[in-house]
Amino acid sequence: LDQQMTKIRKATDIVAGNLTHNEKMELIRILNKLDRFHYPIFS
């Protein structure tokens, strides 16, 4: 895992794209809300 973590972190940085910090925080809030809805159903 450690051997690939630098590339993995870079990949996650790219996925977040050109979002600003505030946009990232808002997206996390919205995705968390969706996750809280779907996970109990999945379980």
PDB file of all heavy atoms in Angstrom:
ATOM      1  N   LEU A   1       0.827  -1.204   0.000  1.00  0.00           N
ATOM      2  CA  LEU A   1       0.000   0.000   0.000  1.00  0.00           C
ATOM      3  C   LEU A   1       0.861   1.253   0.000  1.00  0.00           C
ATOM      4  O   LEU A   1       0.620   2.193  -0.770  1.00  0.00           O
ATOM      5  CB  LEU A   1      -0.912  -0.023   1.231  1.00  0.00           C
ATOM      6  CG  LEU A   1      -2.078   0.982   1.292  1.00  0.00           C
ATOM      7  CD1 LEU A   1      -2.986   0.822   0.082  1.00  0.00           C
ATOM      8  CD2 LEU A   1      -2.859   0.777   2.581  1.00  0.00           C
ATOM      9  N   ASP A   2       1.888   1.268   0.848  1.00  0.00           N
ATOM     10  CA  ASP A   2       2.760   2.441   0.960  1.00  0.00           C
ATOM     11  C   ASP A   2       3.464   2.752  -0.356  1.00  0.00           C
ATOM     12  O   ASP A   2       3.684   3.924  -0.696  1.00  0.00           O
ATOM     13  CB  ASP A   2       3.805   2.231   2.062  1.00  0.00           C
ATOM     14  CG  ASP A   2       3.188   2.278   3.462  1.00  0.00           C
ATOM     15  OD1 ASP A   2       2.062   2.792   3.587  1.00  0.00           O
ATOM     16  OD2 ASP A   2       3.836   1.788   4.410  1.00  0.00           O
ATOM     17  N   GLN A   3       3.811   1.691  -1.099  1.00  0.00           N
ATOM     18  CA  GLN A   3       4.510   1.885  -2.365  1.00  0.00           C
ATOM     19  C   GLN A   3       3.659   2.625  -3.397  1.00  0.00           C
ATOM     20  O   GLN A   3       4.191   3.269  -4.303  1.00  0.00           O
ATOM     21  CB  GLN A   3       4.951   0.538  -2.933  1.00  0.00           C
ATOM     22  CG  GLN A   3       6.105  -0.108  -2.160  1.00  0.00           C
ATOM     23  CD  GLN A   3       6.412  -1.510  -2.638  1.00  0.00           C
ATOM     24  OE1 GLN A   3       5.801  -1.995  -3.598  1.00  0.00           O
ATOM     25  NE2 GLN A   3       7.344  -2.181  -1.982  1.00  0.00           N
ATOM     26  N   GLN A   4       2.330   2.538  -3.254  1.00  0.00           N
ATOM     27  CA  GLN A   4       1.434   3.163  -4.230  1.00  0.00           C
ATOM     28  C   GLN A   4       0.722   4.395  -3.694  1.00  0.00           C
ATOM     29  O   GLN A   4       0.002   5.054  -4.439  1.00  0.00           O
ATOM     30  CB  GLN A   4       0.376   2.146  -4.688  1.00  0.00           C
ATOM     31  CG  GLN A   4       0.917   0.903  -5.366  1.00  0.00           C
ATOM     32  CD  GLN A   4       1.760   1.232  -6.586  1.00  0.00           C
ATOM     33  OE1 GLN A   4       2.920   0.831  -6.675  1.00  0.00           O
ATOM     34  NE2 GLN A   4       1.184   1.969  -7.527  1.00  0.00           N
ATOM     35  N   MET A   5       0.899   4.719  -2.411  1.00  0.00           N
ATOM     36  CA  MET A   5       0.095   5.776  -1.805  1.00  0.00           C
ATOM     37  C   MET A   5       0.311   7.139  -2.445  1.00  0.00           C
ATOM     38  O   MET A   5      -0.637   7.939  -2.546  1.00  0.00           O
ATOM     39  CB  MET A   5       0.361   5.863  -0.304  1.00  0.00           C
ATOM     40  CG  MET A   5      -0.402   4.844   0.517  1.00  0.00           C
ATOM     41  SD  MET A   5      -2.189   4.772   0.168  1.00  0.00           S
ATOM     42  CE  MET A   5      -2.717   6.424   0.624  1.00  0.00           C
ATOM     43  N   THR A   6       1.516   7.443  -2.894  1.00  0.00           N
ATOM     44  CA  THR A   6       1.740   8.738  -3.542  1.00  0.00           C
ATOM     45  C   THR A   6       0.882   8.875  -4.790  1.00  0.00           C
ATOM     46  O   THR A   6       0.211   9.899  -5.001  1.00  0.00           O
ATOM     47  CB  THR A   6       3.227   8.908  -3.911  1.00  0.00           C
ATOM     48  OG1 THR A   6       4.010   8.889  -2.719  1.00  0.00           O
ATOM     49  CG2 THR A   6       3.453  10.234  -4.633  1.00  0.00           C
ATOM     50  N   LYS A   7       0.868   7.822  -5.613  1.00  0.00           N
ATOM     51  CA  LYS A   7       0.044   7.851  -6.828  1.00  0.00           C
ATOM     52  C   LYS A   7      -1.448   7.834  -6.486  1.00  0.00           C
ATOM     53  O   LYS A   7      -2.254   8.493  -7.152  1.00  0.00           O
ATOM     54  CB  LYS A   7       0.383   6.663  -7.729  1.00  0.00           C
ATOM     55  CG  LYS A   7       1.706   6.804  -8.469  1.00  0.00           C
ATOM     56  CD  LYS A   7       1.866   5.697  -9.491  1.00  0.00           C
ATOM     57  CE  LYS A   7       3.112   5.905 -10.323  1.00  0.00           C
ATOM     58  NZ  LYS A   7       3.268   4.845 -11.352  1.00  0.00           N
ATOM     59  N   ILE A   8      -1.813   7.081  -5.457  1.00  0.00           N
ATOM     60  CA  ILE A   8      -3.219   7.007  -5.065  1.00  0.00           C
ATOM     61  C   ILE A   8      -3.715   8.376  -4.596  1.00  0.00           C
ATOM     62  O   ILE A   8      -4.815   8.818  -4.939  1.00  0.00           O
ATOM     63  CB  ILE A   8      -3.421   5.944  -3.963  1.00  0.00           C
ATOM     64  CG1 ILE A   8      -3.194   4.536  -4.541  1.00  0.00           C
ATOM     65  CG2 ILE A   8      -4.820   6.040  -3.361  1.00  0.00           C
ATOM     66  CD1 ILE A   8      -3.118   3.444  -3.496  1.00  0.00           C
ATOM     67  N   ARG A   9      -2.890   9.067  -3.798  1.00  0.00           N
ATOM     68  CA  ARG A   9      -3.270  10.409  -3.333  1.00  0.00           C
ATOM     69  C   ARG A   9      -3.397  11.372  -4.511  1.00  0.00           C
ATOM     70  O   ARG A   9      -4.305  12.221  -4.541  1.00  0.00           O
ATOM     71  CB  ARG A   9      -2.246  10.920  -2.328  1.00  0.00           C
ATOM     72  CG  ARG A   9      -2.273  10.185  -0.992  1.00  0.00           C
ATOM     73  CD  ARG A   9      -1.426  10.911   0.048  1.00  0.00           C
ATOM     74  NE  ARG A   9      -1.413  10.183   1.302  1.00  0.00           N
ATOM     75  CZ  ARG A   9      -0.425   9.381   1.692  1.00  0.00           C
ATOM     76  NH1 ARG A   9       0.634   9.214   0.892  1.00  0.00           N
ATOM     77  NH2 ARG A   9      -0.482   8.753   2.844  1.00  0.00           N
ATOM     78  N   LYS A  10      -2.487  11.263  -5.478  1.00  0.00           N
ATOM     79  CA  LYS A  10      -2.577  12.124  -6.658  1.00  0.00           C
ATOM     80  C   LYS A  10      -3.863  11.846  -7.433  1.00  0.00           C
ATOM     81  O   LYS A  10      -4.503  12.771  -7.949  1.00  0.00           O
ATOM     82  CB  LYS A  10      -1.355  11.910  -7.555  1.00  0.00           C
ATOM     83  CG  LYS A  10      -0.070  12.519  -7.003  1.00  0.00           C
ATOM     84  CD  LYS A  10       1.097  12.297  -7.957  1.00  0.00           C
ATOM     85  CE  LYS A  10       2.367  12.956  -7.426  1.00  0.00           C
ATOM     86  NZ  LYS A  10       3.530  12.736  -8.327  1.00  0.00           N
ATOM     87  N   ALA A  11      -4.230  10.564  -7.510  1.00  0.00           N
ATOM     88  CA  ALA A  11      -5.464  10.197  -8.214  1.00  0.00           C
ATOM     89  C   ALA A  11      -6.682  10.809  -7.535  1.00  0.00           C
ATOM     90  O   ALA A  11      -7.583  11.333  -8.204  1.00  0.00           O
ATOM     91  CB  ALA A  11      -5.608   8.677  -8.272  1.00  0.00           C
ATOM     92  N   THR A  12      -6.712  10.770  -6.198  1.00  0.00           N
ATOM     93  CA  THR A  12      -7.854  11.352  -5.481  1.00  0.00           C
ATOM     94  C   THR A  12      -7.881  12.869  -5.627  1.00  0.00           C
ATOM     95  O   THR A  12      -8.958  13.471  -5.709  1.00  0.00           O
ATOM     96  CB  THR A  12      -7.827  10.976  -3.987  1.00  0.00           C
ATOM     97  OG1 THR A  12      -6.590  11.416  -3.406  1.00  0.00           O
ATOM     98  CG2 THR A  12      -7.939   9.474  -3.802  1.00  0.00           C
ATOM     99  N   ASP A  13      -6.705  13.491  -5.681  1.00  0.00           N
ATOM    100  CA  ASP A  13      -6.646  14.942  -5.916  1.00  0.00           C
ATOM    101  C   ASP A  13      -7.259  15.293  -7.267  1.00  0.00           C
ATOM    102  O   ASP A  13      -8.012  16.265  -7.399  1.00  0.00           O
ATOM    103  CB  ASP A  13      -5.195  15.443  -5.882  1.00  0.00           C
ATOM    104  CG  ASP A  13      -4.624  15.484  -4.480  1.00  0.00           C
ATOM    105  OD1 ASP A  13      -5.416  15.421  -3.515  1.00  0.00           O
ATOM    106  OD2 ASP A  13      -3.388  15.570  -4.339  1.00  0.00           O
ATOM    107  N   ILE A  14      -6.939  14.480  -8.285  1.00  0.00           N
ATOM    108  CA  ILE A  14      -7.453  14.746  -9.627  1.00  0.00           C
ATOM    109  C   ILE A  14      -8.970  14.580  -9.673  1.00  0.00           C
ATOM    110  O   ILE A  14      -9.674  15.346 -10.338  1.00  0.00           O
ATOM    111  CB  ILE A  14      -6.776  13.810 -10.657  1.00  0.00           C
ATOM    112  CG1 ILE A  14      -5.282  14.139 -10.753  1.00  0.00           C
ATOM    113  CG2 ILE A  14      -7.423  13.955 -12.034  1.00  0.00           C
ATOM    114  CD1 ILE A  14      -4.484  13.145 -11.575  1.00  0.00           C
ATOM    115  N   VAL A  15      -9.488  13.573  -8.954  1.00  0.00           N
ATOM    116  CA  VAL A  15     -10.939  13.329  -8.956  1.00  0.00           C
ATOM    117  C   VAL A  15     -11.701  14.556  -8.447  1.00  0.00           C
ATOM    118  O   VAL A  15     -12.761  14.909  -8.972  1.00  0.00           O
ATOM    119  CB  VAL A  15     -11.291  12.091  -8.102  1.00  0.00           C
ATOM    120  CG1 VAL A  15     -12.800  11.971  -7.922  1.00  0.00           C
ATOM    121  CG2 VAL A  15     -10.759  10.824  -8.763  1.00  0.00           C
ATOM    122  N   ALA A  16     -11.146  15.237  -7.435  1.00  0.00           N
ATOM    123  CA  ALA A  16     -11.795  16.446  -6.904  1.00  0.00           C
ATOM    124  C   ALA A  16     -11.709  17.611  -7.873  1.00  0.00           C
ATOM    125  O   ALA A  16     -12.404  18.620  -7.703  1.00  0.00           O
ATOM    126  CB  ALA A  16     -11.162  16.834  -5.567  1.00  0.00           C
ATOM    127  N   GLY A  17     -10.869  17.477  -8.908  1.00  0.00           N
ATOM    128  CA  GLY A  17     -10.831  18.436 -10.002  1.00  0.00           C
ATOM    129  C   GLY A  17     -10.532  19.860  -9.572  1.00  0.00           C
ATOM    130  O   GLY A  17      -9.690  20.110  -8.719  1.00  0.00           O
ATOM    131  N   ASN A  18     -11.268  20.799 -10.164  1.00  0.00           N
ATOM    132  CA  ASN A  18     -11.031  22.213  -9.926  1.00  0.00           C
ATOM    133  C   ASN A  18     -12.021  22.822  -8.932  1.00  0.00           C
ATOM    134  O   ASN A  18     -12.279  24.029  -8.946  1.00  0.00           O
ATOM    135  CB  ASN A  18     -11.087  22.982 -11.254  1.00  0.00           C
ATOM    136  CG  ASN A  18     -12.435  22.814 -11.961  1.00  0.00           C
ATOM    137  OD1 ASN A  18     -13.237  21.967 -11.585  1.00  0.00           O
ATOM    138  ND2 ASN A  18     -12.656  23.604 -12.996  1.00  0.00           N
ATOM    139  N   LEU A  19     -12.587  21.993  -8.067  1.00  0.00           N
ATOM    140  CA  LEU A  19     -13.500  22.510  -7.046  1.00  0.00           C
ATOM    141  C   LEU A  19     -12.730  23.356  -6.035  1.00  0.00           C
ATOM    142  O   LEU A  19     -11.610  23.036  -5.661  1.00  0.00           O
ATOM    143  CB  LEU A  19     -14.184  21.355  -6.301  1.00  0.00           C
ATOM    144  CG  LEU A  19     -15.127  20.458  -7.097  1.00  0.00           C
ATOM    145  CD1 LEU A  19     -15.681  19.368  -6.195  1.00  0.00           C
ATOM    146  CD2 LEU A  19     -16.258  21.262  -7.717  1.00  0.00           C
ATOM    147  N   THR A  20     -13.367  24.439  -5.585  1.00  0.00           N
ATOM    148  CA  THR A  20     -12.778  25.232  -4.514  1.00  0.00           C
ATOM    149  C   THR A  20     -12.966  24.494  -3.189  1.00  0.00           C
ATOM    150  O   THR A  20     -13.716  23.510  -3.113  1.00  0.00           O
ATOM    151  CB  THR A  20     -13.453  26.609  -4.413  1.00  0.00           C
ATOM    152  OG1 THR A  20     -14.825  26.417  -4.003  1.00  0.00           O
ATOM    153  CG2 THR A  20     -13.420  27.343  -5.749  1.00  0.00           C
ATOM    154  N   HIS A  21     -12.283  24.982  -2.145  1.00  0.00           N
ATOM    155  CA  HIS A  21     -12.425  24.346  -0.829  1.00  0.00           C
ATOM    156  C   HIS A  21     -13.885  24.357  -0.381  1.00  0.00           C
ATOM    157  O   HIS A  21     -14.403  23.332   0.105  1.00  0.00           O
ATOM    158  CB  HIS A  21     -11.564  25.077   0.200  1.00  0.00           C
ATOM    159  CG  HIS A  21     -11.725  24.547   1.595  1.00  0.00           C
ATOM    160  ND1 HIS A  21     -11.162  23.358   2.020  1.00  0.00           N
ATOM    161  CD2 HIS A  21     -12.433  25.029   2.670  1.00  0.00           C
ATOM    162  CE1 HIS A  21     -11.489  23.134   3.283  1.00  0.00           C
ATOM    163  NE2 HIS A  21     -12.256  24.127   3.695  1.00  0.00           N
ATOM    164  N   ASN A  22     -14.564  25.479  -0.537  1.00  0.00           N
ATOM    165  CA  ASN A  22     -15.969  25.574  -0.114  1.00  0.00           C
ATOM    166  C   ASN A  22     -16.854  24.626  -0.909  1.00  0.00           C
ATOM    167  O   ASN A  22     -17.785  24.015  -0.357  1.00  0.00           O
ATOM    168  CB  ASN A  22     -16.478  27.010  -0.263  1.00  0.00           C
ATOM    169  CG  ASN A  22     -15.902  27.938   0.786  1.00  0.00           C
ATOM    170  OD1 ASN A  22     -15.441  27.498   1.844  1.00  0.00           O
ATOM    171  ND2 ASN A  22     -15.927  29.234   0.514  1.00  0.00           N
ATOM    172  N   GLU A  23     -16.566  24.492  -2.191  1.00  0.00           N
ATOM    173  CA  GLU A  23     -17.343  23.568  -3.023  1.00  0.00           C
ATOM    174  C   GLU A  23     -17.111  22.128  -2.602  1.00  0.00           C
ATOM    175  O   GLU A  23     -18.039  21.312  -2.595  1.00  0.00           O
ATOM    176  CB  GLU A  23     -16.985  23.763  -4.496  1.00  0.00           C
ATOM    177  CG  GLU A  23     -17.536  25.052  -5.084  1.00  0.00           C
ATOM    178  CD  GLU A  23     -16.976  25.360  -6.465  1.00  0.00           C
ATOM    179  OE1 GLU A  23     -15.879  24.847  -6.792  1.00  0.00           O
ATOM    180  OE2 GLU A  23     -17.633  26.113  -7.218  1.00  0.00           O
ATOM    181  N   LYS A  24     -15.876  21.798  -2.231  1.00  0.00           N
ATOM    182  CA  LYS A  24     -15.581  20.450  -1.740  1.00  0.00           C
ATOM    183  C   LYS A  24     -16.348  20.167  -0.456  1.00  0.00           C
ATOM    184  O   LYS A  24     -16.900  19.070  -0.277  1.00  0.00           O
ATOM    185  CB  LYS A  24     -14.081  20.292  -1.494  1.00  0.00           C
ATOM    186  CG  LYS A  24     -13.238  20.270  -2.758  1.00  0.00           C
ATOM    187  CD  LYS A  24     -11.747  20.255  -2.426  1.00  0.00           C
ATOM    188  CE  LYS A  24     -10.906  20.362  -3.679  1.00  0.00           C
ATOM    189  NZ  LYS A  24      -9.456  20.435  -3.376  1.00  0.00           N
ATOM    190  N   MET A  25     -16.380  21.133   0.456  1.00  0.00           N
ATOM    191  CA  MET A  25     -17.092  20.947   1.721  1.00  0.00           C
ATOM    192  C   MET A  25     -18.594  20.761   1.482  1.00  0.00           C
ATOM    193  O   MET A  25     -19.243  19.926   2.112  1.00  0.00           O
ATOM    194  CB  MET A  25     -16.861  22.139   2.649  1.00  0.00           C
ATOM    195  CG  MET A  25     -15.412  22.350   3.085  1.00  0.00           C
ATOM    196  SD  MET A  25     -14.668  20.894   3.896  1.00  0.00           S
ATOM    197  CE  MET A  25     -13.666  20.207   2.552  1.00  0.00           C
ATOM    198  N   GLU A  26     -19.150  21.535   0.542  1.00  0.00           N
ATOM    199  CA  GLU A  26     -20.573  21.420   0.232  1.00  0.00           C
ATOM    200  C   GLU A  26     -20.870  20.076  -0.430  1.00  0.00           C
ATOM    201  O   GLU A  26     -21.886  19.431  -0.127  1.00  0.00           O
ATOM    202  CB  GLU A  26     -20.997  22.567  -0.685  1.00  0.00           C
ATOM    203  CG  GLU A  26     -22.466  22.551  -1.102  1.00  0.00           C
ATOM    204  CD  GLU A  26     -23.433  22.733   0.053  1.00  0.00           C
ATOM    205  OE1 GLU A  26     -22.985  23.047   1.178  1.00  0.00           O
ATOM    206  OE2 GLU A  26     -24.649  22.569  -0.166  1.00  0.00           O
ATOM    207  N   LEU A  27     -19.976  19.631  -1.318  1.00  0.00           N
ATOM    208  CA  LEU A  27     -20.181  18.343  -1.974  1.00  0.00           C
ATOM    209  C   LEU A  27     -20.117  17.209  -0.962  1.00  0.00           C
ATOM    210  O   LEU A  27     -20.919  16.266  -1.029  1.00  0.00           O
ATOM    211  CB  LEU A  27     -19.126  18.144  -3.066  1.00  0.00           C
ATOM    212  CG  LEU A  27     -19.228  16.838  -3.872  1.00  0.00           C
ATOM    213  CD1 LEU A  27     -20.578  16.731  -4.565  1.00  0.00           C
ATOM    214  CD2 LEU A  27     -18.099  16.756  -4.899  1.00  0.00           C
ATOM    215  N   ILE A  28     -19.178  17.271  -0.016  1.00  0.00           N
ATOM    216  CA  ILE A  28     -19.084  16.254   1.028  1.00  0.00           C
ATOM    217  C   ILE A  28     -20.377  16.215   1.838  1.00  0.00           C
ATOM    218  O   ILE A  28     -20.903  15.136   2.153  1.00  0.00           O
ATOM    219  CB  ILE A  28     -17.875  16.521   1.947  1.00  0.00           C
ATOM    220  CG1 ILE A  28     -16.567  16.235   1.200  1.00  0.00           C
ATOM    221  CG2 ILE A  28     -17.945  15.644   3.210  1.00  0.00           C
ATOM    222  CD1 ILE A  28     -15.332  16.671   1.954  1.00  0.00           C
ATOM    223  N   ARG A  29     -20.906  17.395   2.173  1.00  0.00           N
ATOM    224  CA  ARG A  29     -22.157  17.452   2.947  1.00  0.00           C
ATOM    225  C   ARG A  29     -23.290  16.763   2.187  1.00  0.00           C
ATOM    226  O   ARG A  29     -24.037  15.951   2.754  1.00  0.00           O
ATOM    227  CB  ARG A  29     -22.528  18.909   3.228  1.00  0.00           C
ATOM    228  CG  ARG A  29     -23.775  19.069   4.104  1.00  0.00           C
ATOM    229  CD  ARG A  29     -24.251  20.499   4.148  1.00  0.00           C
ATOM    230  NE  ARG A  29     -24.761  20.937   2.860  1.00  0.00           N
ATOM    231  CZ  ARG A  29     -25.977  20.630   2.399  1.00  0.00           C
ATOM    232  NH1 ARG A  29     -26.789  19.869   3.119  1.00  0.00           N
ATOM    233  NH2 ARG A  29     -26.380  21.062   1.221  1.00  0.00           N
ATOM    234  N   ILE A  30     -23.401  17.056   0.898  1.00  0.00           N
ATOM    235  CA  ILE A  30     -24.486  16.488   0.095  1.00  0.00           C
ATOM    236  C   ILE A  30     -24.302  14.980  -0.085  1.00  0.00           C
ATOM    237  O   ILE A  30     -25.262  14.196   0.050  1.00  0.00           O
ATOM    238  CB  ILE A  30     -24.558  17.193  -1.273  1.00  0.00           C
ATOM    239  CG1 ILE A  30     -25.008  18.644  -1.080  1.00  0.00           C
ATOM    240  CG2 ILE A  30     -25.517  16.464  -2.212  1.00  0.00           C
ATOM    241  CD1 ILE A  30     -24.907  19.487  -2.344  1.00  0.00           C
ATOM    242  N   LEU A  31     -23.082  14.548  -0.383  1.00  0.00           N
ATOM    243  CA  LEU A  31     -22.830  13.118  -0.582  1.00  0.00           C
ATOM    244  C   LEU A  31     -23.011  12.338   0.716  1.00  0.00           C
ATOM    245  O   LEU A  31     -23.494  11.196   0.691  1.00  0.00           O
ATOM    246  CB  LEU A  31     -21.424  12.911  -1.144  1.00  0.00           C
ATOM    247  CG  LEU A  31     -21.206  13.425  -2.571  1.00  0.00           C
ATOM    248  CD1 LEU A  31     -19.756  13.242  -3.003  1.00  0.00           C
ATOM    249  CD2 LEU A  31     -22.144  12.735  -3.560  1.00  0.00           C
ATOM    250  N   ASN A  32     -22.627  12.940   1.851  1.00  0.00           N
ATOM    251  CA  ASN A  32     -22.876  12.295   3.146  1.00  0.00           C
ATOM    252  C   ASN A  32     -24.365  12.096   3.374  1.00  0.00           C
ATOM    253  O   ASN A  32     -24.800  11.060   3.892  1.00  0.00           O
ATOM    254  CB  ASN A  32     -22.290  13.132   4.284  1.00  0.00           C
ATOM    255  CG  ASN A  32     -20.829  12.823   4.551  1.00  0.00           C
ATOM    256  OD1 ASN A  32     -20.359  11.738   4.247  1.00  0.00           O
ATOM    257  ND2 ASN A  32     -20.113  13.774   5.115  1.00  0.00           N
ATOM    258  N   LYS A  33     -25.155  13.089   3.004  1.00  0.00           N
ATOM    259  CA  LYS A  33     -26.610  12.984   3.172  1.00  0.00           C
ATOM    260  C   LYS A  33     -27.164  11.840   2.321  1.00  0.00           C
ATOM    261  O   LYS A  33     -28.002  11.050   2.787  1.00  0.00           O
ATOM    262  CB  LYS A  33     -27.281  14.305   2.797  1.00  0.00           C
ATOM    263  CG  LYS A  33     -28.784  14.322   3.040  1.00  0.00           C
ATOM    264  CD  LYS A  33     -29.370  15.699   2.785  1.00  0.00           C
ATOM    265  CE  LYS A  33     -30.877  15.696   3.084  1.00  0.00           C
ATOM    266  NZ  LYS A  33     -31.485  17.033   2.867  1.00  0.00           N
ATOM    267  N   LEU A  34     -26.688  11.732   1.079  1.00  0.00           N
ATOM    268  CA  LEU A  34     -27.124  10.633   0.221  1.00  0.00           C
ATOM    269  C   LEU A  34     -26.674   9.288   0.771  1.00  0.00           C
ATOM    270  O   LEU A  34     -27.419   8.302   0.730  1.00  0.00           O
ATOM    271  CB  LEU A  34     -26.566  10.825  -1.199  1.00  0.00           C
ATOM    272  CG  LEU A  34     -27.350  11.733  -2.137  1.00  0.00           C
ATOM    273  CD1 LEU A  34     -26.588  11.918  -3.439  1.00  0.00           C
ATOM    274  CD2 LEU A  34     -28.738  11.188  -2.403  1.00  0.00           C
ATOM    275  N   ASP A  35     -25.449   9.233   1.287  1.00  0.00           N
ATOM    276  CA  ASP A  35     -24.935   7.981   1.843  1.00  0.00           C
ATOM    277  C   ASP A  35     -25.755   7.542   3.046  1.00  0.00           C
ATOM    278  O   ASP A  35     -26.051   6.352   3.207  1.00  0.00           O
ATOM    279  CB  ASP A  35     -23.469   8.157   2.239  1.00  0.00           C
ATOM    280  CG  ASP A  35     -22.818   6.845   2.637  1.00  0.00           C
ATOM    281  OD1 ASP A  35     -22.727   5.950   1.776  1.00  0.00           O
ATOM    282  OD2 ASP A  35     -22.419   6.698   3.801  1.00  0.00           O
ATOM    283  N   ARG A  36     -26.141   8.500   3.896  1.00  0.00           N
ATOM    284  CA  ARG A  36     -26.960   8.156   5.069  1.00  0.00           C
ATOM    285  C   ARG A  36     -28.330   7.638   4.653  1.00  0.00           C
ATOM    286  O   ARG A  36     -28.950   6.856   5.388  1.00  0.00           O
ATOM    287  CB  ARG A  36     -27.120   9.386   5.976  1.00  0.00           C
ATOM    288  CG  ARG A  36     -25.869   9.754   6.750  1.00  0.00           C
ATOM    289  CD  ARG A  36     -26.178  10.750   7.854  1.00  0.00           C
ATOM    290  NE  ARG A  36     -26.739  11.983   7.343  1.00  0.00           N
ATOM    291  CZ  ARG A  36     -26.024  13.038   6.964  1.00  0.00           C
ATOM    292  NH1 ARG A  36     -24.710  13.004   7.035  1.00  0.00           N
ATOM    293  NH2 ARG A  36     -26.614  14.136   6.516  1.00  0.00           N
ATOM    294  N   PHE A  37     -28.814   8.066   3.498  1.00  0.00           N
ATOM    295  CA  PHE A  37     -30.092   7.554   3.005  1.00  0.00           C
ATOM    296  C   PHE A  37     -29.942   6.135   2.458  1.00  0.00           C
ATOM    297  O   PHE A  37     -30.731   5.245   2.769  1.00  0.00           O
ATOM    298  CB  PHE A  37     -30.650   8.471   1.912  1.00  0.00           C
ATOM    299  CG  PHE A  37     -31.878   7.918   1.231  1.00  0.00           C
ATOM    300  CD1 PHE A  37     -33.122   8.021   1.825  1.00  0.00           C
ATOM    301  CD2 PHE A  37     -31.778   7.273   0.010  1.00  0.00           C
ATOM    302  CE1 PHE A  37     -34.254   7.488   1.215  1.00  0.00           C
ATOM    303  CE2 PHE A  37     -32.896   6.737  -0.612  1.00  0.00           C
ATOM    304  CZ  PHE A  37     -34.144   6.854  -0.007  1.00  0.00           C
ATOM    305  N   HIS A  38     -28.900   5.912   1.646  1.00  0.00           N
ATOM    306  CA  HIS A  38     -28.801   4.654   0.912  1.00  0.00           C
ATOM    307  C   HIS A  38     -28.217   3.501   1.724  1.00  0.00           C
ATOM    308  O   HIS A  38     -28.605   2.346   1.506  1.00  0.00           O
ATOM    309  CB  HIS A  38     -27.961   4.854  -0.360  1.00  0.00           C
ATOM    310  CG  HIS A  38     -28.638   5.684  -1.396  1.00  0.00           C
ATOM    311  ND1 HIS A  38     -29.758   5.244  -2.082  1.00  0.00           N
ATOM    312  CD2 HIS A  38     -28.378   6.936  -1.853  1.00  0.00           C
ATOM    313  CE1 HIS A  38     -30.143   6.178  -2.927  1.00  0.00           C
ATOM    314  NE2 HIS A  38     -29.325   7.213  -2.811  1.00  0.00           N
ATOM    315  N   TYR A  39     -27.295   3.783   2.659  1.00  0.00           N
ATOM    316  CA  TYR A  39     -26.620   2.681   3.340  1.00  0.00           C
ATOM    317  C   TYR A  39     -27.569   1.779   4.133  1.00  0.00           C
ATOM    318  O   TYR A  39     -27.454   0.545   4.056  1.00  0.00           O
ATOM    319  CB  TYR A  39     -25.491   3.197   4.241  1.00  0.00           C
ATOM    320  CG  TYR A  39     -24.662   2.067   4.816  1.00  0.00           C
ATOM    321  CD1 TYR A  39     -23.741   1.398   4.026  1.00  0.00           C
ATOM    322  CD2 TYR A  39     -24.848   1.640   6.130  1.00  0.00           C
ATOM    323  CE1 TYR A  39     -22.994   0.338   4.527  1.00  0.00           C
ATOM    324  CE2 TYR A  39     -24.111   0.582   6.641  1.00  0.00           C
ATOM    325  CZ  TYR A  39     -23.185  -0.060   5.835  1.00  0.00           C
ATOM    326  OH  TYR A  39     -22.470  -1.118   6.340  1.00  0.00           O
ATOM    327  N   PRO A  40     -28.515   2.333   4.908  1.00  0.00           N
ATOM    328  CA  PRO A  40     -29.443   1.447   5.637  1.00  0.00           C
ATOM    329  C   PRO A  40     -30.257   0.552   4.701  1.00  0.00           C
ATOM    330  O   PRO A  40     -30.562  -0.595   5.049  1.00  0.00           O
ATOM    331  CB  PRO A  40     -30.350   2.417   6.400  1.00  0.00           C
ATOM    332  CG  PRO A  40     -29.554   3.668   6.519  1.00  0.00           C
ATOM    333  CD  PRO A  40     -28.752   3.748   5.250  1.00  0.00           C
ATOM    334  N   ILE A  41     -30.598   1.068   3.531  1.00  0.00           N
ATOM    335  CA  ILE A  41     -31.333   0.265   2.547  1.00  0.00           C
ATOM    336  C   ILE A  41     -30.446  -0.860   2.034  1.00  0.00           C
ATOM    337  O   ILE A  41     -30.856  -2.020   1.980  1.00  0.00           O
ATOM    338  CB  ILE A  41     -31.812   1.150   1.378  1.00  0.00           C
ATOM    339  CG1 ILE A  41     -32.784   2.223   1.885  1.00  0.00           C
ATOM    340  CG2 ILE A  41     -32.483   0.299   0.293  1.00  0.00           C
ATOM    341  CD1 ILE A  41     -33.146   3.257   0.841  1.00  0.00           C
ATOM    342  N   PHE A  42     -29.210  -0.526   1.680  1.00  0.00           N
ATOM    343  CA  PHE A  42     -28.249  -1.528   1.199  1.00  0.00           C
ATOM    344  C   PHE A  42     -28.029  -2.615   2.241  1.00  0.00           C
ATOM    345  O   PHE A  42     -27.937  -3.803   1.909  1.00  0.00           O
ATOM    346  CB  PHE A  42     -26.923  -0.840   0.861  1.00  0.00           C
ATOM    347  CG  PHE A  42     -25.797  -1.785   0.569  1.00  0.00           C
ATOM    348  CD1 PHE A  42     -25.699  -2.411  -0.663  1.00  0.00           C
ATOM    349  CD2 PHE A  42     -24.838  -2.056   1.535  1.00  0.00           C
ATOM    350  CE1 PHE A  42     -24.666  -3.297  -0.932  1.00  0.00           C
ATOM    351  CE2 PHE A  42     -23.795  -2.938   1.275  1.00  0.00           C
ATOM    352  CZ  PHE A  42     -23.714  -3.564   0.034  1.00  0.00           C
ATOM    353  N   SER A  43     -27.962  -2.213   3.510  1.00  0.00           N
ATOM    354  CA  SER A  43     -27.658  -3.156   4.596  1.00  0.00           C
ATOM    355  C   SER A  43     -28.764  -4.181   4.806  1.00  0.00           C
ATOM    356  O   SER A  43     -28.533  -5.220   5.430  1.00  0.00           O
ATOM    357  CB  SER A  43     -27.406  -2.386   5.899  1.00  0.00           C
ATOM    358  OG  SER A  43     -26.284  -1.539   5.766  1.00  0.00           O
TER     359      SER A  43
END
